[in-house]
Amino acid sequence: MLAATGQKPTKPSNVRNGEYFFEEGKWWYAGTKSKQGKTKRQTLESHEKKNKTRMFVDGKYIPKSHPLHKPGRYKGFTEAAFSSLENYELAKQGQVYVIRNPAFPSWCKVGMAIDAEDRLKQYQTSSPYRDYVLVASWDVEDRRKAESQAHALLEQHYERRGEWFVAYSDMAAERLEAFFNETKKASDSE
């Protein structure tokens, strides 16, 4: 019908590369090869239906046999793992923490997490000595806001590089302890 009226088919918005073509009044996918080496084709609808059960991480197909398989498209395995936890990214409550590593005695990191102990475990994997130490942590209602306030406070006194400060961890923790105690007193009196 399209040819008779002189119309050209509109390419579906999800069509990438040259794997799709329009023929016999339908969109087709031709991305797989048969055992004989010939390109197999299937309708675009059947290809999309099949892809709803597949997992792709950073564009790479992950087989169903993979222990972390979960259908969808993800930037990394961390995103895939946390995407199933409802509202993980939206959760406000959590902790602000100070960690240190004895290899860098005059440096400490101030960050935020849902759980500081769990975050510490993540840091341990980057050290062959597993020597990161959780110096202190504070429960907060809005971890992002509290972390930002902690960074601003410490930045007034110490050199900063991202979330790392040139400060002995006990000194940074003392300043933050005073700050969070004062913040808690103010919110309790409201």
N, C-alpha and C. Protein backbone atom coordinates (compact mmCIF):
# COMPACT_ATOMS: atom_id res chain seq x y z
N MET A 1 0.81 -1.19 0.00
CA MET A 1 0.00 0.00 0.00
C MET A 1 0.86 1.25 0.00
N LEU A 2 1.95 1.26 0.79
CA LEU A 2 2.80 2.44 0.85
C LEU A 2 3.41 2.76 -0.51
N ALA A 3 3.86 1.70 -1.22
CA ALA A 3 4.46 1.92 -2.53
C ALA A 3 3.44 2.50 -3.51
N ALA A 4 2.21 2.03 -3.44
CA ALA A 4 1.17 2.49 -4.36
C ALA A 4 0.84 3.96 -4.14
N THR A 5 0.95 4.42 -2.89
CA THR A 5 0.60 5.82 -2.60
C THR A 5 1.83 6.73 -2.64
N GLY A 6 3.02 6.14 -2.83
CA GLY A 6 4.23 6.94 -2.89
C GLY A 6 4.79 7.32 -1.53
N GLN A 7 4.24 6.74 -0.48
CA GLN A 7 4.72 7.05 0.87
C GLN A 7 5.94 6.20 1.22
N LYS A 8 6.78 6.76 2.07
CA LYS A 8 7.93 6.01 2.56
C LYS A 8 7.67 5.65 4.02
N PRO A 9 8.08 4.46 4.45
CA PRO A 9 7.84 4.08 5.83
C PRO A 9 8.67 4.95 6.78
N THR A 10 8.11 5.20 7.94
CA THR A 10 8.81 5.95 8.97
C THR A 10 9.64 4.97 9.78
N LYS A 11 10.91 5.30 9.95
CA LYS A 11 11.80 4.43 10.70
C LYS A 11 11.42 4.49 12.18
N PRO A 12 11.21 3.33 12.82
CA PRO A 12 10.89 3.35 14.25
C PRO A 12 11.97 4.07 15.04
N SER A 13 11.60 4.71 16.13
CA SER A 13 12.55 5.52 16.91
C SER A 13 13.65 4.68 17.55
N ASN A 14 13.39 3.40 17.78
CA ASN A 14 14.40 2.57 18.42
C ASN A 14 15.34 1.89 17.44
N VAL A 15 15.22 2.18 16.15
CA VAL A 15 16.05 1.54 15.14
C VAL A 15 17.45 2.15 15.16
N ARG A 16 18.46 1.29 15.34
CA ARG A 16 19.85 1.71 15.34
C ARG A 16 20.58 0.89 14.29
N ASN A 17 21.75 1.36 13.94
CA ASN A 17 22.63 0.64 13.01
C ASN A 17 21.89 0.34 11.71
N GLY A 18 22.38 -0.62 10.96
CA GLY A 18 21.73 -1.00 9.72
C GLY A 18 21.05 -2.34 9.83
N GLU A 19 20.72 -2.77 11.03
CA GLU A 19 20.17 -4.09 11.26
C GLU A 19 18.69 -4.20 10.92
N TYR A 20 18.01 -3.07 10.73
CA TYR A 20 16.58 -3.06 10.48
C TYR A 20 16.30 -2.63 9.04
N PHE A 21 15.26 -3.22 8.48
CA PHE A 21 14.87 -2.81 7.13
C PHE A 21 13.36 -2.99 6.98
N PHE A 22 12.81 -2.28 6.02
CA PHE A 22 11.38 -2.33 5.76
C PHE A 22 11.16 -3.14 4.50
N GLU A 23 10.31 -4.18 4.60
CA GLU A 23 10.05 -5.03 3.45
C GLU A 23 8.71 -5.72 3.66
N GLU A 24 7.98 -5.91 2.58
CA GLU A 24 6.68 -6.59 2.63
C GLU A 24 5.72 -5.92 3.61
N GLY A 25 5.85 -4.61 3.74
CA GLY A 25 4.94 -3.85 4.59
C GLY A 25 5.22 -3.95 6.07
N LYS A 26 6.40 -4.49 6.45
CA LYS A 26 6.75 -4.65 7.87
C LYS A 26 8.20 -4.25 8.09
N TRP A 27 8.48 -3.89 9.35
CA TRP A 27 9.86 -3.68 9.75
C TRP A 27 10.44 -5.02 10.18
N TRP A 28 11.69 -5.28 9.72
CA TRP A 28 12.36 -6.54 10.01
C TRP A 28 13.70 -6.26 10.69
N TYR A 29 14.15 -7.24 11.46
CA TYR A 29 15.46 -7.19 12.11
C TYR A 29 16.31 -8.28 11.47
N ALA A 30 17.53 -7.94 11.10
CA ALA A 30 18.42 -8.92 10.48
C ALA A 30 19.79 -8.88 11.14
N GLY A 31 19.84 -9.19 12.41
CA GLY A 31 21.10 -9.09 13.12
C GLY A 31 21.74 -10.40 13.50
N THR A 32 21.04 -11.51 13.35
CA THR A 32 21.60 -12.80 13.76
C THR A 32 21.94 -13.62 12.53
N LYS A 33 22.89 -14.50 12.69
CA LYS A 33 23.30 -15.38 11.57
C LYS A 33 22.89 -16.80 11.89
N SER A 34 22.49 -17.51 10.87
CA SER A 34 22.14 -18.92 11.04
C SER A 34 23.43 -19.74 11.09
N LYS A 35 23.30 -21.04 11.35
CA LYS A 35 24.48 -21.92 11.40
C LYS A 35 25.16 -22.01 10.05
N GLN A 36 24.39 -21.76 8.99
CA GLN A 36 24.95 -21.80 7.64
C GLN A 36 25.63 -20.48 7.27
N GLY A 37 25.60 -19.50 8.17
CA GLY A 37 26.26 -18.22 7.91
C GLY A 37 25.37 -17.21 7.23
N LYS A 38 24.11 -17.56 6.99
CA LYS A 38 23.19 -16.62 6.36
C LYS A 38 22.53 -15.76 7.42
N THR A 39 22.24 -14.52 7.07
CA THR A 39 21.57 -13.62 7.99
C THR A 39 20.12 -14.02 8.13
N LYS A 40 19.69 -14.22 9.37
CA LYS A 40 18.30 -14.55 9.63
C LYS A 40 17.54 -13.26 9.87
N ARG A 41 16.27 -13.29 9.54
CA ARG A 41 15.46 -12.12 9.82
C ARG A 41 14.27 -12.51 10.66
N GLN A 42 13.78 -11.54 11.42
CA GLN A 42 12.57 -11.71 12.20
C GLN A 42 11.89 -10.36 12.27
N THR A 43 10.60 -10.37 12.54
CA THR A 43 9.89 -9.10 12.59
C THR A 43 10.42 -8.27 13.76
N LEU A 44 10.34 -6.98 13.60
CA LEU A 44 10.81 -6.07 14.64
C LEU A 44 10.07 -6.34 15.95
N GLU A 45 8.76 -6.60 15.87
CA GLU A 45 7.99 -6.87 17.09
C GLU A 45 8.51 -8.10 17.83
N SER A 46 8.81 -9.19 17.11
CA SER A 46 9.29 -10.40 17.78
C SER A 46 10.69 -10.19 18.34
N HIS A 47 11.50 -9.40 17.65
CA HIS A 47 12.85 -9.09 18.15
C HIS A 47 12.77 -8.29 19.45
N GLU A 48 11.88 -7.29 19.49
CA GLU A 48 11.74 -6.48 20.70
C GLU A 48 11.17 -7.30 21.85
N LYS A 49 10.25 -8.19 21.56
CA LYS A 49 9.67 -9.04 22.60
C LYS A 49 10.75 -9.92 23.22
N LYS A 50 11.61 -10.48 22.37
CA LYS A 50 12.70 -11.34 22.85
C LYS A 50 13.69 -10.52 23.69
N ASN A 51 13.96 -9.28 23.27
CA ASN A 51 14.92 -8.45 23.99
C ASN A 51 14.43 -8.00 25.36
N LYS A 52 13.14 -8.10 25.61
CA LYS A 52 12.62 -7.74 26.93
C LYS A 52 13.05 -8.74 27.99
N THR A 53 13.53 -9.90 27.58
CA THR A 53 13.99 -10.91 28.53
C THR A 53 15.52 -10.97 28.58
N ARG A 54 16.19 -10.09 27.85
CA ARG A 54 17.65 -10.08 27.80
C ARG A 54 18.24 -8.98 28.67
N MET A 55 19.49 -9.17 29.05
CA MET A 55 20.20 -8.18 29.85
C MET A 55 21.38 -7.65 29.04
N PHE A 56 21.54 -6.32 29.08
CA PHE A 56 22.67 -5.67 28.43
C PHE A 56 23.33 -4.75 29.44
N VAL A 57 24.63 -4.85 29.61
CA VAL A 57 25.38 -3.97 30.50
C VAL A 57 26.40 -3.24 29.63
N ASP A 58 26.29 -1.92 29.61
CA ASP A 58 27.15 -1.06 28.79
C ASP A 58 27.13 -1.53 27.33
N GLY A 59 25.94 -1.91 26.86
CA GLY A 59 25.78 -2.33 25.48
C GLY A 59 26.15 -3.78 25.20
N LYS A 60 26.71 -4.48 26.16
CA LYS A 60 27.14 -5.87 25.97
C LYS A 60 26.08 -6.83 26.49
N TYR A 61 25.76 -7.85 25.69
CA TYR A 61 24.76 -8.85 26.07
C TYR A 61 25.29 -9.70 27.22
N ILE A 62 24.45 -9.91 28.22
CA ILE A 62 24.79 -10.76 29.37
C ILE A 62 23.87 -11.98 29.31
N PRO A 63 24.42 -13.18 29.21
CA PRO A 63 23.57 -14.37 29.08
C PRO A 63 22.73 -14.65 30.33
N LYS A 64 21.65 -15.37 30.13
CA LYS A 64 20.76 -15.69 31.25
C LYS A 64 21.43 -16.55 32.29
N SER A 65 22.51 -17.21 31.93
CA SER A 65 23.23 -18.06 32.88
C SER A 65 24.06 -17.24 33.87
N HIS A 66 24.26 -15.95 33.59
CA HIS A 66 25.05 -15.10 34.49
C HIS A 66 24.32 -14.97 35.83
N PRO A 67 25.05 -15.06 36.95
CA PRO A 67 24.39 -15.03 38.26
C PRO A 67 23.66 -13.72 38.57
N LEU A 68 24.04 -12.62 37.93
CA LEU A 68 23.39 -11.33 38.18
C LEU A 68 22.39 -10.96 37.09
N HIS A 69 22.01 -11.93 36.26
CA HIS A 69 21.11 -11.62 35.14
C HIS A 69 19.79 -11.04 35.63
N LYS A 70 19.43 -9.92 35.02
CA LYS A 70 18.15 -9.27 35.27
C LYS A 70 17.81 -8.52 33.99
N PRO A 71 16.70 -8.84 33.34
CA PRO A 71 16.38 -8.21 32.06
C PRO A 71 16.40 -6.68 32.12
N GLY A 72 16.97 -6.09 31.08
CA GLY A 72 17.00 -4.63 30.98
C GLY A 72 18.34 -4.16 30.42
N ARG A 73 18.45 -2.85 30.27
CA ARG A 73 19.68 -2.21 29.79
C ARG A 73 20.24 -1.35 30.91
N TYR A 74 21.52 -1.58 31.25
CA TYR A 74 22.13 -0.90 32.38
C TYR A 74 23.50 -0.36 31.99
N LYS A 75 23.94 0.70 32.69
CA LYS A 75 25.27 1.26 32.46
C LYS A 75 26.33 0.38 33.10
N GLY A 76 25.99 -0.27 34.20
CA GLY A 76 26.93 -1.13 34.91
C GLY A 76 26.18 -2.12 35.78
N PHE A 77 26.90 -3.09 36.34
CA PHE A 77 26.25 -4.08 37.19
C PHE A 77 25.71 -3.46 38.47
N THR A 78 26.36 -2.40 38.97
CA THR A 78 25.87 -1.75 40.18
C THR A 78 24.47 -1.19 39.93
N GLU A 79 24.29 -0.54 38.78
CA GLU A 79 22.97 0.00 38.45
C GLU A 79 21.94 -1.12 38.37
N ALA A 80 22.32 -2.24 37.78
CA ALA A 80 21.39 -3.37 37.67
C ALA A 80 21.03 -3.89 39.06
N ALA A 81 22.00 -4.00 39.93
CA ALA A 81 21.75 -4.53 41.27
C ALA A 81 20.84 -3.60 42.07
N PHE A 82 21.11 -2.30 42.01
CA PHE A 82 20.34 -1.36 42.83
C PHE A 82 19.03 -0.95 42.18
N SER A 83 18.83 -1.24 40.90
CA SER A 83 17.58 -0.85 40.26
C SER A 83 16.40 -1.62 40.85
N SER A 84 16.67 -2.77 41.42
CA SER A 84 15.58 -3.56 42.00
C SER A 84 15.19 -3.07 43.40
N LEU A 85 16.04 -2.28 44.01
CA LEU A 85 15.71 -1.76 45.33
C LEU A 85 14.90 -0.49 45.14
N GLU A 86 13.61 -0.59 45.41
CA GLU A 86 12.73 0.55 45.19
C GLU A 86 13.21 1.76 45.97
N ASN A 87 13.21 2.87 45.30
CA ASN A 87 13.54 4.16 45.90
C ASN A 87 14.94 4.25 46.49
N TYR A 88 15.87 3.38 46.08
CA TYR A 88 17.23 3.46 46.63
C TYR A 88 17.82 4.84 46.39
N GLU A 89 17.74 5.31 45.17
CA GLU A 89 18.30 6.62 44.85
C GLU A 89 17.50 7.75 45.48
N LEU A 90 16.21 7.53 45.70
CA LEU A 90 15.36 8.58 46.24
C LEU A 90 15.39 8.64 47.77
N ALA A 91 15.91 7.60 48.40
CA ALA A 91 15.93 7.56 49.87
C ALA A 91 16.76 8.70 50.40
N LYS A 92 16.21 9.44 51.34
CA LYS A 92 16.93 10.58 51.91
C LYS A 92 17.72 10.19 53.15
N GLN A 93 17.13 9.36 53.99
CA GLN A 93 17.79 8.99 55.24
C GLN A 93 19.05 8.20 54.98
N GLY A 94 19.96 8.27 55.92
CA GLY A 94 21.20 7.52 55.79
C GLY A 94 22.21 8.00 56.79
N GLN A 95 23.47 7.95 56.39
CA GLN A 95 24.55 8.33 57.29
C GLN A 95 25.59 9.17 56.56
N VAL A 96 26.22 10.05 57.29
CA VAL A 96 27.42 10.75 56.84
C VAL A 96 28.54 10.11 57.63
N TYR A 97 29.67 9.85 56.98
CA TYR A 97 30.74 9.10 57.64
C TYR A 97 32.11 9.74 57.38
N VAL A 98 33.07 9.37 58.21
CA VAL A 98 34.48 9.72 58.02
C VAL A 98 35.24 8.40 57.99
N ILE A 99 36.01 8.19 56.93
CA ILE A 99 36.88 7.01 56.88
C ILE A 99 38.31 7.47 56.66
N ARG A 100 39.23 6.59 57.02
CA ARG A 100 40.65 6.88 56.82
C ARG A 100 41.36 5.61 56.42
N ASN A 101 42.57 5.79 55.92
CA ASN A 101 43.43 4.67 55.58
C ASN A 101 44.81 4.99 56.15
N PRO A 102 45.41 4.09 56.94
CA PRO A 102 46.71 4.38 57.56
C PRO A 102 47.82 4.67 56.54
N ALA A 103 47.62 4.28 55.30
CA ALA A 103 48.62 4.59 54.27
C ALA A 103 48.66 6.08 53.97
N PHE A 104 47.57 6.80 54.30
CA PHE A 104 47.46 8.24 54.07
C PHE A 104 47.04 8.91 55.38
N PRO A 105 47.92 8.99 56.35
CA PRO A 105 47.52 9.43 57.69
C PRO A 105 46.97 10.85 57.78
N SER A 106 47.36 11.73 56.89
CA SER A 106 46.87 13.11 56.99
C SER A 106 45.67 13.36 56.07
N TRP A 107 45.05 12.30 55.57
CA TRP A 107 43.88 12.42 54.70
C TRP A 107 42.71 11.66 55.32
N CYS A 108 41.50 12.17 55.07
CA CYS A 108 40.31 11.43 55.44
C CYS A 108 39.22 11.71 54.40
N LYS A 109 38.28 10.80 54.31
CA LYS A 109 37.18 10.95 53.36
C LYS A 109 35.89 11.15 54.12
N VAL A 110 35.12 12.12 53.68
CA VAL A 110 33.81 12.37 54.26
C VAL A 110 32.79 12.11 53.16
N GLY A 111 31.90 11.16 53.41
CA GLY A 111 30.92 10.79 52.40
C GLY A 111 29.57 10.48 53.02
N MET A 112 28.67 10.00 52.18
CA MET A 112 27.34 9.65 52.65
C MET A 112 26.95 8.30 52.05
N ALA A 113 26.10 7.61 52.77
CA ALA A 113 25.63 6.30 52.33
C ALA A 113 24.36 5.96 53.08
N ILE A 114 23.67 4.97 52.60
CA ILE A 114 22.53 4.44 53.35
C ILE A 114 23.06 3.82 54.64
N ASP A 115 24.19 3.09 54.52
CA ASP A 115 24.80 2.42 55.67
C ASP A 115 26.32 2.56 55.56
N ALA A 116 26.95 3.21 56.54
CA ALA A 116 28.38 3.49 56.48
C ALA A 116 29.22 2.21 56.54
N GLU A 117 28.80 1.23 57.32
CA GLU A 117 29.55 -0.04 57.41
C GLU A 117 29.58 -0.74 56.05
N ASP A 118 28.46 -0.70 55.36
CA ASP A 118 28.40 -1.31 54.04
C ASP A 118 29.32 -0.57 53.07
N ARG A 119 29.33 0.75 53.14
CA ARG A 119 30.22 1.53 52.27
C ARG A 119 31.67 1.21 52.57
N LEU A 120 32.00 1.04 53.85
CA LEU A 120 33.37 0.69 54.24
C LEU A 120 33.79 -0.62 53.57
N LYS A 121 32.89 -1.59 53.54
CA LYS A 121 33.20 -2.87 52.88
C LYS A 121 33.55 -2.66 51.41
N GLN A 122 32.86 -1.73 50.76
CA GLN A 122 33.16 -1.44 49.36
C GLN A 122 34.57 -0.87 49.21
N TYR A 123 34.98 -0.03 50.14
CA TYR A 123 36.33 0.54 50.09
C TYR A 123 37.38 -0.53 50.33
N GLN A 124 37.09 -1.50 51.17
CA GLN A 124 38.08 -2.53 51.48
C GLN A 124 38.49 -3.31 50.23
N THR A 125 37.60 -3.44 49.28
CA THR A 125 37.94 -4.19 48.07
C THR A 125 39.01 -3.49 47.24
N SER A 126 39.21 -2.18 47.45
CA SER A 126 40.22 -1.46 46.67
C SER A 126 41.58 -1.45 47.36
N SER A 127 41.67 -2.08 48.53
CA SER A 127 42.93 -2.11 49.27
C SER A 127 43.34 -3.55 49.51
N PRO A 128 44.55 -3.94 49.09
CA PRO A 128 44.98 -5.31 49.33
C PRO A 128 45.14 -5.62 50.82
N TYR A 129 45.28 -4.59 51.64
CA TYR A 129 45.46 -4.79 53.08
C TYR A 129 44.14 -4.70 53.86
N ARG A 130 43.06 -4.32 53.18
CA ARG A 130 41.75 -4.17 53.83
C ARG A 130 41.88 -3.32 55.10
N ASP A 131 42.55 -2.16 54.93
CA ASP A 131 42.90 -1.37 56.10
C ASP A 131 42.16 -0.04 56.23
N TYR A 132 41.09 0.15 55.48
CA TYR A 132 40.28 1.35 55.69
C TYR A 132 39.56 1.22 57.04
N VAL A 133 39.39 2.35 57.71
CA VAL A 133 38.78 2.35 59.03
C VAL A 133 37.64 3.36 59.06
N LEU A 134 36.50 2.93 59.57
CA LEU A 134 35.38 3.85 59.78
C LEU A 134 35.64 4.57 61.09
N VAL A 135 35.90 5.86 61.01
CA VAL A 135 36.24 6.66 62.19
C VAL A 135 34.97 7.06 62.93
N ALA A 136 33.97 7.53 62.20
CA ALA A 136 32.72 7.98 62.82
C ALA A 136 31.63 8.01 61.77
N SER A 137 30.40 7.92 62.24
CA SER A 137 29.25 8.08 61.34
C SER A 137 28.10 8.68 62.14
N TRP A 138 27.23 9.39 61.41
CA TRP A 138 26.09 10.06 62.04
C TRP A 138 24.83 9.74 61.23
N ASP A 139 23.77 9.35 61.91
CA ASP A 139 22.48 9.12 61.28
C ASP A 139 21.87 10.48 60.95
N VAL A 140 21.40 10.64 59.72
CA VAL A 140 20.83 11.91 59.29
C VAL A 140 19.53 11.67 58.52
N GLU A 141 18.68 12.67 58.52
CA GLU A 141 17.40 12.59 57.81
C GLU A 141 17.57 12.77 56.30
N ASP A 142 18.52 13.61 55.89
CA ASP A 142 18.78 13.87 54.46
C ASP A 142 20.28 13.75 54.23
N ARG A 143 20.71 12.57 53.80
CA ARG A 143 22.15 12.29 53.69
C ARG A 143 22.86 13.18 52.69
N ARG A 144 22.21 13.51 51.58
CA ARG A 144 22.85 14.37 50.57
C ARG A 144 23.07 15.78 51.11
N LYS A 145 22.05 16.31 51.74
CA LYS A 145 22.14 17.66 52.31
C LYS A 145 23.18 17.69 53.43
N ALA A 146 23.14 16.69 54.31
CA ALA A 146 24.07 16.64 55.43
C ALA A 146 25.52 16.48 54.95
N GLU A 147 25.72 15.69 53.92
CA GLU A 147 27.07 15.53 53.38
C GLU A 147 27.57 16.86 52.80
N SER A 148 26.70 17.54 52.09
CA SER A 148 27.06 18.83 51.51
C SER A 148 27.44 19.83 52.61
N GLN A 149 26.66 19.85 53.69
CA GLN A 149 26.96 20.74 54.81
C GLN A 149 28.28 20.36 55.48
N ALA A 150 28.53 19.07 55.63
CA ALA A 150 29.78 18.61 56.23
C ALA A 150 30.98 19.02 55.37
N HIS A 151 30.85 18.86 54.06
CA HIS A 151 31.92 19.27 53.15
C HIS A 151 32.17 20.77 53.27
N ALA A 152 31.11 21.56 53.28
CA ALA A 152 31.25 23.02 53.37
C ALA A 152 31.94 23.41 54.67
N LEU A 153 31.58 22.76 55.77
CA LEU A 153 32.20 23.07 57.06
C LEU A 153 33.69 22.75 57.05
N LEU A 154 34.03 21.55 56.61
CA LEU A 154 35.43 21.14 56.62
C LEU A 154 36.28 21.93 55.61
N GLU A 155 35.65 22.33 54.52
CA GLU A 155 36.35 23.10 53.50
C GLU A 155 36.83 24.45 54.04
N GLN A 156 36.18 24.96 55.07
CA GLN A 156 36.60 26.21 55.69
C GLN A 156 37.93 26.06 56.43
N HIS A 157 38.28 24.82 56.78
CA HIS A 157 39.46 24.59 57.61
C HIS A 157 40.54 23.75 56.94
N TYR A 158 40.16 22.96 55.95
CA TYR A 158 41.10 22.01 55.36
C TYR A 158 41.07 22.05 53.83
N GLU A 159 42.19 21.67 53.24
CA GLU A 159 42.25 21.53 51.78
C GLU A 159 41.36 20.36 51.38
N ARG A 160 40.66 20.53 50.27
CA ARG A 160 39.71 19.52 49.82
C ARG A 160 40.03 19.06 48.41
N ARG A 161 39.88 17.76 48.18
CA ARG A 161 39.97 17.17 46.83
C ARG A 161 38.82 16.18 46.70
N GLY A 162 37.74 16.64 46.08
CA GLY A 162 36.54 15.82 45.98
C GLY A 162 35.94 15.62 47.35
N GLU A 163 35.85 14.38 47.79
CA GLU A 163 35.33 14.06 49.12
C GLU A 163 36.46 13.82 50.12
N TRP A 164 37.70 14.00 49.68
CA TRP A 164 38.87 13.78 50.54
C TRP A 164 39.39 15.11 51.07
N PHE A 165 39.79 15.10 52.33
CA PHE A 165 40.29 16.31 52.98
C PHE A 165 41.67 16.04 53.56
N VAL A 166 42.56 17.05 53.44
CA VAL A 166 43.87 16.96 54.08
C VAL A 166 43.63 17.34 55.54
N ALA A 167 43.25 16.35 56.31
CA ALA A 167 42.93 16.55 57.73
C ALA A 167 43.05 15.20 58.43
N TYR A 168 43.58 15.23 59.63
CA TYR A 168 43.60 14.00 60.41
C TYR A 168 42.15 13.63 60.72
N SER A 169 41.84 12.38 60.57
CA SER A 169 40.44 11.94 60.68
C SER A 169 39.82 12.26 62.03
N ASP A 170 40.59 12.18 63.12
CA ASP A 170 40.00 12.46 64.43
C ASP A 170 39.64 13.94 64.56
N MET A 171 40.44 14.82 63.96
CA MET A 171 40.14 16.26 64.01
C MET A 171 38.89 16.57 63.18
N ALA A 172 38.80 15.99 62.00
CA ALA A 172 37.62 16.20 61.15
C ALA A 172 36.37 15.65 61.84
N ALA A 173 36.50 14.48 62.46
CA ALA A 173 35.37 13.86 63.14
C ALA A 173 34.90 14.71 64.32
N GLU A 174 35.83 15.34 65.04
CA GLU A 174 35.46 16.21 66.16
C GLU A 174 34.65 17.40 65.68
N ARG A 175 35.10 18.02 64.60
CA ARG A 175 34.35 19.17 64.04
C ARG A 175 32.95 18.73 63.60
N LEU A 176 32.88 17.59 62.94
CA LEU A 176 31.58 17.12 62.46
C LEU A 176 30.67 16.68 63.61
N GLU A 177 31.26 16.09 64.64
CA GLU A 177 30.48 15.69 65.82
C GLU A 177 29.80 16.92 66.43
N ALA A 178 30.57 17.98 66.58
CA ALA A 178 30.01 19.22 67.14
C ALA A 178 28.92 19.77 66.23
N PHE A 179 29.18 19.74 64.92
CA PHE A 179 28.19 20.25 63.96
C PHE A 179 26.89 19.44 64.02
N PHE A 180 27.00 18.11 63.97
CA PHE A 180 25.79 17.27 63.96
C PHE A 180 25.06 17.32 65.30
N ASN A 181 25.79 17.46 66.41
CA ASN A 181 25.13 17.62 67.72
C ASN A 181 24.34 18.92 67.75
N GLU A 182 24.93 19.98 67.23
CA GLU A 182 24.25 21.28 67.20
C GLU A 182 23.03 21.22 66.28
N THR A 183 23.17 20.56 65.14
CA THR A 183 22.06 20.42 64.19
C THR A 183 20.92 19.62 64.83
N LYS A 184 21.29 18.56 65.56
CA LYS A 184 20.28 17.72 66.22
C LYS A 184 19.54 18.51 67.31
N LYS A 185 20.28 19.29 68.09
CA LYS A 185 19.66 20.10 69.14
C LYS A 185 18.68 21.09 68.53
N ALA A 186 19.08 21.71 67.43
CA ALA A 186 18.22 22.71 66.77
C ALA A 186 16.93 22.06 66.25
N SER A 187 17.04 20.87 65.66
CA SER A 187 15.85 20.21 65.13
C SER A 187 14.96 19.66 66.24
N ASP A 188 15.57 19.26 67.37
CA ASP A 188 14.78 18.76 68.51
C ASP A 188 13.98 19.87 69.16
N SER A 189 14.51 21.09 69.14
CA SER A 189 13.81 22.20 69.78
C SER A 189 12.69 22.79 68.94
N GLU A 190 12.60 22.38 67.69
CA GLU A 190 11.55 22.91 66.80
C GLU A 190 10.21 22.28 67.07
